[in-house]
C-alpha atoms as a PDB file:
ATOM      1  CA  MET A   1       0.000   0.000   0.000  1.00  0.00           C
ATOM      2  CA  ASN A   2       2.760   2.402   0.924  1.00  0.00           C
ATOM      3  CA  ARG A   3       4.471   1.554  -2.322  1.00  0.00           C
ATOM      4  CA  VAL A   4       1.344   2.459  -4.334  1.00  0.00           C
ATOM      5  CA  VAL A   5       1.001   5.796  -2.579  1.00  0.00           C
ATOM      6  CA  THR A   6       4.649   6.478  -3.188  1.00  0.00           C
ATOM      7  CA  LEU A   7       4.228   5.713  -6.889  1.00  0.00           C
ATOM      8  CA  VAL A   8       1.174   7.990  -7.161  1.00  0.00           C
ATOM      9  CA  VAL A   9       2.963  10.849  -5.411  1.00  0.00           C
ATOM     10  CA  ALA A  10       6.019  10.314  -7.571  1.00  0.00           C
ATOM     11  CA  GLY A  11       3.876  10.285 -10.697  1.00  0.00           C
ATOM     12  CA  PHE A  12       2.093  13.464  -9.644  1.00  0.00           C
ATOM     13  CA  ILE A  13       5.423  15.159  -8.968  1.00  0.00           C
ATOM     14  CA  ALA A  14       6.737  14.000 -12.315  1.00  0.00           C
ATOM     15  CA  ILE A  15       3.684  15.391 -14.085  1.00  0.00           C
ATOM     16  CA  MET A  16       4.071  18.706 -12.280  1.00  0.00           C
ATOM     17  CA  LEU A  17       7.746  18.847 -13.213  1.00  0.00           C
ATOM     18  CA  LEU A  18       6.965  17.947 -16.812  1.00  0.00           C
ATOM     19  CA  SER A  19       4.199  20.567 -17.092  1.00  0.00           C
ATOM     20  CA  SER A  20       6.527  23.198 -15.660  1.00  0.00           C
ATOM     21  CA  THR A  21       8.985  22.469 -18.466  1.00  0.00           C
ATOM     22  CA  LEU A  22       6.402  22.927 -21.240  1.00  0.00           C
ATOM     23  CA  PHE A  23       4.675  26.100 -22.488  1.00  0.00           C
ATOM     24  CA  VAL A  24       2.445  26.843 -25.465  1.00  0.00           C
ATOM     25  CA  VAL A  25       2.676  29.883 -27.717  1.00  0.00           C
ATOM     26  CA  ASN A  26      -0.511  30.440 -29.736  1.00  0.00           C
ATOM     27  CA  GLN A  27      -1.096  32.707 -32.733  1.00  0.00           C
ATOM     28  CA  LYS A  28      -2.283  35.583 -30.521  1.00  0.00           C
ATOM     29  CA  ARG A  29       0.817  35.899 -28.315  1.00  0.00           C
ATOM     30  CA  HIS A  30       4.549  36.418 -28.209  1.00  0.00           C
ATOM     31  CA  ALA A  31       6.613  34.654 -25.543  1.00  0.00           C
ATOM     32  CA  ILE A  32       9.883  35.795 -23.934  1.00  0.00           C
ATOM     33  CA  LEU A  33      11.913  33.148 -22.116  1.00  0.00           C
ATOM     34  CA  PHE A  34      14.010  34.348 -19.171  1.00  0.00           C
ATOM     35  CA  SER A  35      16.894  32.413 -17.601  1.00  0.00           C
ATOM     36  CA  PHE A  36      17.749  33.619 -14.092  1.00  0.00           C
ATOM     37  CA  GLY A  37      16.135  36.998 -14.903  1.00  0.00           C
ATOM     38  CA  LYS A  38      17.892  37.491 -18.234  1.00  0.00           C
ATOM     39  CA  VAL A  39      16.300  37.173 -21.656  1.00  0.00           C
ATOM     40  CA  SER A  40      17.172  33.813 -23.150  1.00  0.00           C
ATOM     41  CA  GLU A  41      14.868  33.474 -26.153  1.00  0.00           C
ATOM     42  CA  VAL A  42      11.903  35.143 -27.897  1.00  0.00           C
ATOM     43  CA  TYR A  43       9.154  33.011 -29.476  1.00  0.00           C
ATOM     44  CA  SER A  44       6.659  34.490 -31.944  1.00  0.00           C
ATOM     45  CA  GLU A  45       5.713  31.393 -33.918  1.00  0.00           C
ATOM     46  CA  PRO A  46       2.889  29.234 -32.510  1.00  0.00           C
ATOM     47  CA  GLY A  47       3.934  25.880 -31.020  1.00  0.00           C
ATOM     48  CA  LEU A  48       4.876  23.816 -27.983  1.00  0.00           C
ATOM     49  CA  TYR A  49       8.220  24.705 -26.365  1.00  0.00           C
ATOM     50  CA  PHE A  50      10.411  23.378 -23.514  1.00  0.00           C
ATOM     51  CA  LYS A  51      12.076  25.224 -20.653  1.00  0.00           C
ATOM     52  CA  LEU A  52      13.633  24.528 -17.289  1.00  0.00           C
ATOM     53  CA  PRO A  53      11.318  24.658 -14.282  1.00  0.00           C
ATOM     54  CA  ALA A  54      11.093  27.858 -12.273  1.00  0.00           C
ATOM     55  CA  PRO A  55      13.047  29.530 -10.873  1.00  0.00           C
ATOM     56  CA  PHE A  56      15.663  28.490 -13.405  1.00  0.00           C
ATOM     57  CA  GLN A  57      13.561  29.724 -16.345  1.00  0.00           C
ATOM     58  CA  ASN A  58      10.234  31.541 -16.654  1.00  0.00           C
ATOM     59  CA  VAL A  59       8.078  32.851 -19.525  1.00  0.00           C
ATOM     60  CA  VAL A  60       6.372  36.228 -20.083  1.00  0.00           C
ATOM     61  CA  PHE A  61       3.606  36.425 -22.699  1.00  0.00           C
ATOM     62  CA  LEU A  62       2.828  39.555 -24.779  1.00  0.00           C
ATOM     63  CA  ASP A  63      -0.245  40.245 -26.913  1.00  0.00           C
ATOM     64  CA  LYS A  64       0.357  39.870 -30.649  1.00  0.00           C
ATOM     65  CA  GLN A  65      -3.078  41.153 -31.783  1.00  0.00           C
ATOM     66  CA  VAL A  66      -3.812  44.586 -33.238  1.00  0.00           C
ATOM     67  CA  LEU A  67      -4.724  46.911 -30.353  1.00  0.00           C
ATOM     68  CA  THR A  68      -6.523  50.253 -30.364  1.00  0.00           C
ATOM     69  CA  LEU A  69      -5.412  53.417 -28.634  1.00  0.00           C
ATOM     70  CA  ASP A  70      -8.493  55.625 -28.423  1.00  0.00           C
ATOM     71  CA  THR A  71      -8.047  58.930 -26.606  1.00  0.00           C
ATOM     72  CA  PRO A  72     -10.858  59.416 -24.051  1.00  0.00           C
ATOM     73  CA  ASP A  73     -10.943  63.194 -24.530  1.00  0.00           C
ATOM     74  CA  ALA A  74     -10.240  65.407 -27.523  1.00  0.00           C
ATOM     75  CA  GLU A  75      -6.948  67.302 -27.335  1.00  0.00           C
ATOM     76  CA  ARG A  76      -6.679  71.041 -27.957  1.00  0.00           C
ATOM     77  CA  PHE A  77      -4.320  72.258 -30.692  1.00  0.00           C
ATOM     78  CA  ILE A  78      -3.567  75.623 -32.310  1.00  0.00           C
ATOM     79  CA  THR A  79      -3.631  75.977 -36.095  1.00  0.00           C
ATOM     80  CA  ALA A  80      -1.491  78.221 -38.289  1.00  0.00           C
ATOM     81  CA  GLU A  81      -4.148  80.995 -37.945  1.00  0.00           C
ATOM     82  CA  LYS A  82      -3.823  80.777 -34.135  1.00  0.00           C
ATOM     83  CA  THR A  83      -7.254  79.149 -33.880  1.00  0.00           C
ATOM     84  CA  ASN A  84      -7.965  76.625 -31.134  1.00  0.00           C
ATOM     85  CA  ILE A  85      -9.431  73.337 -32.325  1.00  0.00           C
ATOM     86  CA  LEU A  86     -10.248  70.020 -30.690  1.00  0.00           C
ATOM     87  CA  VAL A  87      -8.866  66.884 -32.330  1.00  0.00           C
ATOM     88  CA  ASP A  88      -9.903  63.357 -31.417  1.00  0.00           C
ATOM     89  CA  ALA A  89      -7.744  60.594 -32.916  1.00  0.00           C
ATOM     90  CA  TYR A  90      -7.243  56.865 -32.603  1.00  0.00           C
ATOM     91  CA  VAL A  91      -4.334  54.544 -33.407  1.00  0.00           C
ATOM     92  CA  LYS A  92      -4.232  50.886 -34.388  1.00  0.00           C
ATOM     93  CA  TRP A  93      -0.988  49.274 -33.169  1.00  0.00           C
ATOM     94  CA  ARG A  94       0.668  45.983 -32.275  1.00  0.00           C
ATOM     95  CA  ILE A  95       3.862  44.686 -30.732  1.00  0.00           C
ATOM     96  CA  ALA A  96       6.344  44.151 -33.556  1.00  0.00           C
ATOM     97  CA  VAL A  97       9.603  43.537 -31.639  1.00  0.00           C
ATOM     98  CA  PRO A  98       8.745  41.837 -28.337  1.00  0.00           C
ATOM     99  CA  LEU A  99      12.176  42.182 -26.776  1.00  0.00           C
ATOM    100  CA  LYS A 100      12.479  45.899 -27.537  1.00  0.00           C
ATOM    101  CA  TYR A 101       8.926  46.433 -26.311  1.00  0.00           C
ATOM    102  CA  TYR A 102       9.605  44.578 -23.048  1.00  0.00           C
ATOM    103  CA  VAL A 103      12.838  46.470 -22.405  1.00  0.00           C
ATOM    104  CA  SER A 104      11.057  49.782 -23.049  1.00  0.00           C
ATOM    105  CA  PHE A 105       8.009  49.175 -20.871  1.00  0.00           C
ATOM    106  CA  ASN A 106       8.857  46.104 -18.803  1.00  0.00           C
ATOM    107  CA  GLY A 107       5.869  44.437 -20.471  1.00  0.00           C
ATOM    108  CA  ASP A 108       3.390  46.962 -19.001  1.00  0.00           C
ATOM    109  CA  GLU A 109       0.737  47.747 -21.634  1.00  0.00           C
ATOM    110  CA  ALA A 110      -0.528  50.806 -19.722  1.00  0.00           C
ATOM    111  CA  ARG A 111       2.934  52.392 -19.919  1.00  0.00           C
ATOM    112  CA  ALA A 112       3.101  51.555 -23.615  1.00  0.00           C
ATOM    113  CA  ARG A 113      -0.270  53.232 -24.220  1.00  0.00           C
ATOM    114  CA  ASP A 114       0.827  56.364 -22.350  1.00  0.00           C
ATOM    115  CA  ARG A 115       4.028  56.574 -24.373  1.00  0.00           C
ATOM    116  CA  LEU A 116       2.168  56.007 -27.632  1.00  0.00           C
ATOM    117  CA  ALA A 117      -0.365  58.707 -26.718  1.00  0.00           C
ATOM    118  CA  GLN A 118       2.497  61.169 -26.160  1.00  0.00           C
ATOM    119  CA  ILE A 119       4.009  60.286 -29.536  1.00  0.00           C
ATOM    120  CA  VAL A 120       0.680  60.783 -31.325  1.00  0.00           C
ATOM    121  CA  LYS A 121       0.021  64.100 -29.562  1.00  0.00           C
ATOM    122  CA  ALA A 122       3.467  65.439 -30.522  1.00  0.00           C
ATOM    123  CA  ALA A 123       2.955  64.402 -34.154  1.00  0.00           C
ATOM    124  CA  LEU A 124      -0.489  66.009 -34.237  1.00  0.00           C
ATOM    125  CA  ASN A 125       0.862  69.226 -32.778  1.00  0.00           C
ATOM    126  CA  ASP A 126       3.712  69.367 -35.325  1.00  0.00           C
ATOM    127  CA  GLU A 127       1.367  68.935 -38.284  1.00  0.00           C
ATOM    128  CA  ILE A 128      -1.632  71.012 -37.150  1.00  0.00           C
ATOM    129  CA  THR A 129       0.407  74.086 -36.212  1.00  0.00           C
ATOM    130  CA  LYS A 130       1.641  74.250 -39.826  1.00  0.00           C
ATOM    131  CA  ARG A 131      -1.833  74.146 -41.390  1.00  0.00           C
ATOM    132  CA  SER A 132      -5.087  76.082 -41.424  1.00  0.00           C
ATOM    133  CA  VAL A 133      -8.380  74.848 -39.990  1.00  0.00           C
ATOM    134  CA  ARG A 134      -9.694  74.260 -43.498  1.00  0.00           C
ATOM    135  CA  ASP A 135      -6.694  72.094 -44.362  1.00  0.00           C
ATOM    136  CA  VAL A 136      -7.051  70.016 -41.209  1.00  0.00           C
ATOM    137  CA  ILE A 137     -10.801  69.534 -41.558  1.00  0.00           C
ATOM    138  CA  SER A 138     -11.091  68.846 -45.264  1.00  0.00           C
ATOM    139  CA  GLY A 139      -8.563  70.391 -47.616  1.00  0.00           C
ATOM    140  CA  GLN A 140      -5.473  68.375 -46.647  1.00  0.00           C
ATOM    141  CA  ARG A 141      -6.887  65.902 -44.140  1.00  0.00           C
ATOM    142  CA  ALA A 142      -5.457  62.855 -45.927  1.00  0.00           C
ATOM    143  CA  ALA A 143      -2.032  64.511 -46.132  1.00  0.00           C
ATOM    144  CA  VAL A 144      -2.213  65.430 -42.438  1.00  0.00           C
ATOM    145  CA  MET A 145      -2.984  61.841 -41.437  1.00  0.00           C
ATOM    146  CA  ALA A 146      -0.236  60.479 -43.708  1.00  0.00           C
ATOM    147  CA  ALA A 147       2.344  62.855 -42.198  1.00  0.00           C
ATOM    148  CA  ILE A 148       1.213  62.048 -38.654  1.00  0.00           C
ATOM    149  CA  GLN A 149       1.357  58.322 -39.319  1.00  0.00           C
ATOM    150  CA  LYS A 150       4.861  58.631 -40.771  1.00  0.00           C
ATOM    151  CA  LYS A 151       6.125  60.414 -37.653  1.00  0.00           C
ATOM    152  CA  VAL A 152       4.326  58.060 -35.273  1.00  0.00           C
ATOM    153  CA  VAL A 153       5.642  54.988 -37.127  1.00  0.00           C
ATOM    154  CA  GLY A 154       9.217  56.206 -36.785  1.00  0.00           C
ATOM    155  CA  GLU A 155       8.905  56.986 -33.061  1.00  0.00           C
ATOM    156  CA  ALA A 156       6.971  53.834 -32.233  1.00  0.00           C
ATOM    157  CA  ALA A 157       9.473  51.604 -34.010  1.00  0.00           C
ATOM    158  CA  LEU A 158      12.123  52.689 -31.475  1.00  0.00           C
ATOM    159  CA  VAL A 159      10.117  50.984 -28.699  1.00  0.00           C
ATOM    160  CA  GLY A 160       9.160  47.875 -30.672  1.00  0.00           C
ATOM    161  CA  ILE A 161       5.651  48.967 -31.747  1.00  0.00           C
ATOM    162  CA  ASP A 162       4.249  48.699 -35.264  1.00  0.00           C
ATOM    163  CA  ILE A 163       1.645  51.336 -36.230  1.00  0.00           C
ATOM    164  CA  VAL A 164      -1.121  49.869 -38.374  1.00  0.00           C
ATOM    165  CA  ASP A 165      -3.236  52.993 -38.846  1.00  0.00           C
ATOM    166  CA  VAL A 166      -3.777  56.524 -37.540  1.00  0.00           C
ATOM    167  CA  ARG A 167      -7.111  58.315 -37.996  1.00  0.00           C
ATOM    168  CA  LEU A 168      -8.677  61.626 -37.000  1.00  0.00           C
ATOM    169  CA  LYS A 169     -12.140  60.882 -35.631  1.00  0.00           C
ATOM    170  CA  ARG A 170     -13.243  64.430 -35.009  1.00  0.00           C
ATOM    171  CA  VAL A 171     -11.926  67.914 -35.667  1.00  0.00           C
ATOM    172  CA  ASP A 172     -13.987  70.717 -34.136  1.00  0.00           C
ATOM    173  CA  TYR A 173     -13.749  74.229 -32.746  1.00  0.00           C
ATOM    174  CA  VAL A 174     -13.596  74.744 -29.009  1.00  0.00           C
ATOM    175  CA  ASP A 175     -16.891  75.741 -27.361  1.00  0.00           C
ATOM    176  CA  GLU A 176     -16.164  79.460 -27.124  1.00  0.00           C
ATOM    177  CA  ILE A 177     -15.311  79.611 -30.814  1.00  0.00           C
ATOM    178  CA  ASN A 178     -18.239  77.429 -31.853  1.00  0.00           C
ATOM    179  CA  ALA A 179     -20.701  80.070 -30.665  1.00  0.00           C
ATOM    180  CA  SER A 180     -19.044  82.829 -32.707  1.00  0.00           C
ATOM    181  CA  VAL A 181     -18.796  80.540 -35.753  1.00  0.00           C
ATOM    182  CA  TYR A 182     -22.489  79.674 -35.527  1.00  0.00           C
ATOM    183  CA  GLU A 183     -23.422  83.331 -35.170  1.00  0.00           C
ATOM    184  CA  ARG A 184     -21.283  84.241 -38.177  1.00  0.00           C
ATOM    185  CA  MET A 185     -22.839  81.435 -40.196  1.00  0.00           C
ATOM    186  CA  LYS A 186     -26.289  82.574 -39.106  1.00  0.00           C
ATOM    187  CA  ALA A 187     -25.530  86.175 -40.106  1.00  0.00           C
ATOM    188  CA  GLU A 188     -24.264  85.021 -43.493  1.00  0.00           C
ATOM    189  CA  ARG A 189     -27.396  82.940 -44.064  1.00  0.00           C
ATOM    190  CA  VAL A 190     -29.642  85.836 -42.999  1.00  0.00           C
ATOM    191  CA  LYS A 191     -27.746  88.170 -45.338  1.00  0.00           C
ATOM    192  CA  ALA A 192     -28.092  85.694 -48.206  1.00  0.00           C
ATOM    193  CA  ALA A 193     -31.810  85.286 -47.457  1.00  0.00           C
ATOM    194  CA  ASN A 194     -32.336  89.064 -47.423  1.00  0.00           C
ATOM    195  CA  GLU A 195     -30.473  89.414 -50.712  1.00  0.00           C
ATOM    196  CA  LEU A 196     -32.657  86.715 -52.241  1.00  0.00           C
ATOM    197  CA  ARG A 197     -35.792  88.422 -50.919  1.00  0.00           C
ATOM    198  CA  SER A 198     -34.623  91.775 -52.296  1.00  0.00           C
ATOM    199  CA  THR A 199     -33.816  90.237 -55.663  1.00  0.00           C
ATOM    200  CA  GLY A 200     -37.150  88.438 -55.725  1.00  0.00           C
ATOM    201  CA  SER A 201     -39.030  91.613 -54.800  1.00  0.00           C
ATOM    202  CA  ALA A 202     -37.272  93.598 -57.546  1.00  0.00           C
ATOM    203  CA  GLU A 203     -38.007  90.880 -60.077  1.00  0.00           C
ATOM    204  CA  SER A 204     -41.656  90.697 -59.010  1.00  0.00           C
ATOM    205  CA  GLU A 205     -42.003  94.474 -59.361  1.00  0.00           C
ATOM    206  CA  GLY A 206     -40.446  94.271 -62.802  1.00  0.00           C
ATOM    207  CA  LEU A 207     -42.826  91.475 -63.788  1.00  0.00           C
ATOM    208  CA  ARG A 208     -45.810  93.449 -62.504  1.00  0.00           C
ATOM    209  CA  ALA A 209     -44.701  96.571 -64.384  1.00  0.00           C
ATOM    210  CA  GLU A 210     -44.223  94.549 -67.557  1.00  0.00           C
ATOM    211  CA  ALA A 211     -47.637  92.914 -67.102  1.00  0.00           C
ATOM    212  CA  ASP A 212     -49.293  96.319 -66.526  1.00  0.00           C
ATOM    213  CA  ARG A 213     -47.576  97.716 -69.628  1.00  0.00           C
ATOM    214  CA  LYS A 214     -48.724  94.800 -71.763  1.00  0.00           C
ATOM    215  CA  ARG A 215     -52.240  95.090 -70.320  1.00  0.00           C
ATOM    216  CA  THR A 216     -52.343  98.789 -71.209  1.00  0.00           C
ATOM    217  CA  GLU A 217     -51.082  98.054 -74.702  1.00  0.00           C
ATOM    218  CA  ILE A 218     -53.651  95.272 -75.196  1.00  0.00           C
ATOM    219  CA  LEU A 219     -56.501  97.461 -73.920  1.00  0.00           C
ATOM    220  CA  SER A 220     -55.304 100.348 -76.106  1.00  0.00           C
ATOM    221  CA  ARG A 221     -55.173  98.152 -79.189  1.00  0.00           C
ATOM    222  CA  ALA A 222     -58.582  96.667 -78.343  1.00  0.00           C
ATOM    223  CA  PHE A 223     -60.102 100.140 -77.827  1.00  0.00           C
ATOM    224  CA  ARG A 224     -58.589 101.367 -81.080  1.00  0.00           C
ATOM    225  CA  ALA A 225     -59.887  98.302 -82.897  1.00  0.00           C
ATOM    226  CA  SER A 226     -63.341  98.730 -81.359  1.00  0.00           C
ATOM    227  CA  GLU A 227     -63.414 102.392 -82.325  1.00  0.00           C
ATOM    228  CA  GLU A 228     -62.363 101.496 -85.844  1.00  0.00           C
ATOM    229  CA  ILE A 229     -65.085  98.858 -86.036  1.00  0.00           C
ATOM    230  CA  LYS A 230     -67.610 101.275 -84.551  1.00  0.00           C
ATOM    231  CA  GLY A 231     -66.545 103.950 -87.018  1.00  0.00           C
ATOM    232  CA  GLN A 232     -66.870 101.483 -89.868  1.00  0.00           C
ATOM    233  CA  GLY A 233     -70.319 100.529 -88.557  1.00  0.00           C
ATOM    234  CA  ASP A 234     -71.376 104.143 -88.273  1.00  0.00           C
ATOM    235  CA  ALA A 235     -70.077 104.811 -91.767  1.00  0.00           C
ATOM    236  CA  GLN A 236     -71.927 101.792 -93.078  1.00  0.00           C
ATOM    237  CA  ALA A 237     -75.048 102.849 -91.234  1.00  0.00           C
ATOM    238  CA  SER A 238     -74.771 106.377 -92.587  1.00  0.00           C
ATOM    239  CA  LYS A 239     -74.321 104.969 -96.049  1.00  0.00           C
ATOM    240  CA  ILE A 240     -77.444 102.804 -95.625  1.00  0.00           C
ATOM    241  CA  TYR A 241     -79.347 105.772 -94.226  1.00  0.00           C
ATOM    242  CA  ALA A 242     -78.218 107.917 -97.121  1.00  0.00           C
ATOM    243  CA  GLU A 243     -79.265 105.283 -99.638  1.00  0.00           C
ATOM    244  CA  ALA A 244     -82.591 104.864 -97.866  1.00  0.00           C
ATOM    245  CA  PHE A 245     -83.055 108.640 -97.767  1.00  0.00           C
ATOM    246  CA  GLY A 246     -82.303 108.834-101.437  1.00  0.00           C
ATOM    247  CA  LYS A 247     -84.870 106.137-102.261  1.00  0.00           C
ATOM    248  CA  SER A 248     -87.649 107.344 -99.928  1.00  0.00           C
ATOM    249  CA  PRO A 249     -87.056 110.611 -98.122  1.00  0.00           C
ATOM    250  CA  GLU A 250     -90.422 110.438 -96.432  1.00  0.00           C
ATOM    251  CA  PHE A 251     -89.788 106.936 -95.018  1.00  0.00           C
ATOM    252  CA  TYR A 252     -86.405 108.052 -93.760  1.00  0.00           C
ATOM    253  CA  LYS A 253     -88.002 111.026 -91.957  1.00  0.00           C
ATOM    254  CA  PHE A 254     -90.617 108.661 -90.498  1.00  0.00           C
ATOM    255  CA  TYR A 255     -87.966 106.196 -89.250  1.00  0.00           C
ATOM    256  CA  ARG A 256     -85.881 108.934 -87.665  1.00  0.00           C
ATOM    257  CA  SER A 257     -88.981 110.327 -85.949  1.00  0.00           C
ATOM    258  CA  LEU A 258     -89.782 106.908 -84.498  1.00  0.00           C
ATOM    259  CA  GLU A 259     -86.240 106.718 -83.082  1.00  0.00           C
ATOM    260  CA  ALA A 260     -86.649 110.152 -81.581  1.00  0.00           C
ATOM    261  CA  TYR A 261     -89.988 109.124 -80.008  1.00  0.00           C
ATOM    262  CA  ARG A 262     -88.393 105.967 -78.596  1.00  0.00           C
ATOM    263  CA  ALA A 263     -85.511 107.929 -77.097  1.00  0.00           C
ATOM    264  CA  SER A 264     -87.794 110.648 -75.689  1.00  0.00           C
ATOM    265  CA  PHE A 265     -90.302 108.337 -74.073  1.00  0.00           C
ATOM    266  CA  ASN A 266     -87.884 105.678 -72.849  1.00  0.00           C
ATOM    267  CA  SER A 267     -89.108 105.925 -69.222  1.00  0.00           C
ATOM    268  CA  HIS A 268     -92.569 106.140 -67.716  1.00  0.00           C
ATOM    269  CA  GLY A 269     -91.528 109.156 -65.744  1.00  0.00           C
ATOM    270  CA  ASP A 270     -90.448 111.211 -68.772  1.00  0.00           C
ATOM    271  CA  VAL A 271     -92.414 114.487 -69.118  1.00  0.00           C
ATOM    272  CA  MET A 272     -92.250 116.841 -72.109  1.00  0.00           C
ATOM    273  CA  VAL A 273     -93.982 120.184 -72.428  1.00  0.00           C
ATOM    274  CA  VAL A 274     -94.295 120.642 -76.183  1.00  0.00           C
ATOM    275  CA  ASP A 275     -96.988 122.129 -78.372  1.00  0.00           C
ATOM    276  CA  ALA A 276     -99.115 119.288 -79.758  1.00  0.00           C
ATOM    277  CA  ASN A 277     -99.166 120.983 -83.166  1.00  0.00           C
ATOM    278  CA  SER A 278     -95.380 121.193 -83.333  1.00  0.00           C
ATOM    279  CA  GLU A 279     -93.359 119.558 -86.103  1.00  0.00           C
ATOM    280  CA  PHE A 280     -92.070 116.941 -83.599  1.00  0.00           C
ATOM    281  CA  PHE A 281     -95.521 115.256 -83.265  1.00  0.00           C
ATOM    282  CA  LYS A 282     -96.578 115.366 -86.885  1.00  0.00           C
ATOM    283  CA  TYR A 283     -96.338 111.539 -87.247  1.00  0.00           C
ATOM    284  CA  PHE A 284     -98.518 111.101 -84.144  1.00  0.00           C
ATOM    285  CA  ARG A 285    -101.254 113.072 -85.839  1.00  0.00           C
ATOM    286  CA  SER A 286    -100.995 111.364 -89.193  1.00  0.00           C
ATOM    287  CA  PRO A 287     -98.952 108.370 -90.437  1.00  0.00           C
ATOM    288  CA  GLY A 288     -98.220 110.359 -93.567  1.00  0.00           C
ATOM    289  CA  GLY A 289     -96.953 113.301 -91.563  1.00  0.00           C
ATOM    290  CA  ALA A 290     -99.590 115.723 -92.833  1.00  0.00           C
ATOM    291  CA  ALA A 291     -99.653 119.155 -91.269  1.00  0.00           C
ATOM    292  CA  ALA A 292    -102.280 119.883 -88.629  1.00  0.00           C
ATOM    293  CA  PRO A 293    -105.405 121.729 -89.809  1.00  0.00           C
ATOM    294  CA  ALA A 294    -105.431 125.423 -89.180  1.00  0.00           C
ATOM    295  CA  LYS A 295    -107.554 126.707 -86.265  1.00  0.00           C
ATOM    296  CA  ALA A 296    -110.693 128.778 -87.095  1.00  0.00           C
ATOM    297  CA  LYS A 297    -110.440 132.374 -86.254  1.00  0.00           C
END
């Protein structure tokens, strides 16, 4: 029985010793092997590796994946026009040289992030101070990011970091400038609106004046045409009257008298004080228009 227990304990100890001499490096990590506190080997390829048990040798693992440095708050920078702007950027990075990275930061990712943030801020400051707000926001934004990335890549390589990408997330004015910018934009829009209203009003007045002129011309031409037609009608009527007068003077006199009667007695309230024997009523006395008989003396 004691022999069995001894064998089990010995087997357990052997397994523990064997497991302490093996370590696995997967595709997501680097491994640095230390011998008595000094770097012995660096492993970046995935696989199963052997080492001496601690404390003779120990392993430190570093992340091989692409990491993101995202600044929590936008940084303030001054452009070439001495204008304050807020810039929010992010960086994609990874550990390229594990040994150099470990020596620089003792494997502490927080320290590496702080150092990388300082590098990015210095590069941003160098590039933004040489350019205008317009260039940073839109005009030369791609060139700004390319220049920043070039500087950051060079600085980061010294500490074993590979920069994958650098991007500007947001470029904006500081709050105190935003208000003045909005007011200026508002004033410009109001000015443009007033100019459009003024132009529209002038054009509408011109259209109205043109319409009134054309209306006057149309009415004038219509009146002239109507007067010409009326004149032609009167001339035609006069001609007909003249022909009728020439054919039957008595009938013409009778017709004209009837028109005079119609015009004189057009209303029931019309009153005329005329001698009944006057020439005006001769066709009332006789259809032939004979003179009234003389009164006896």
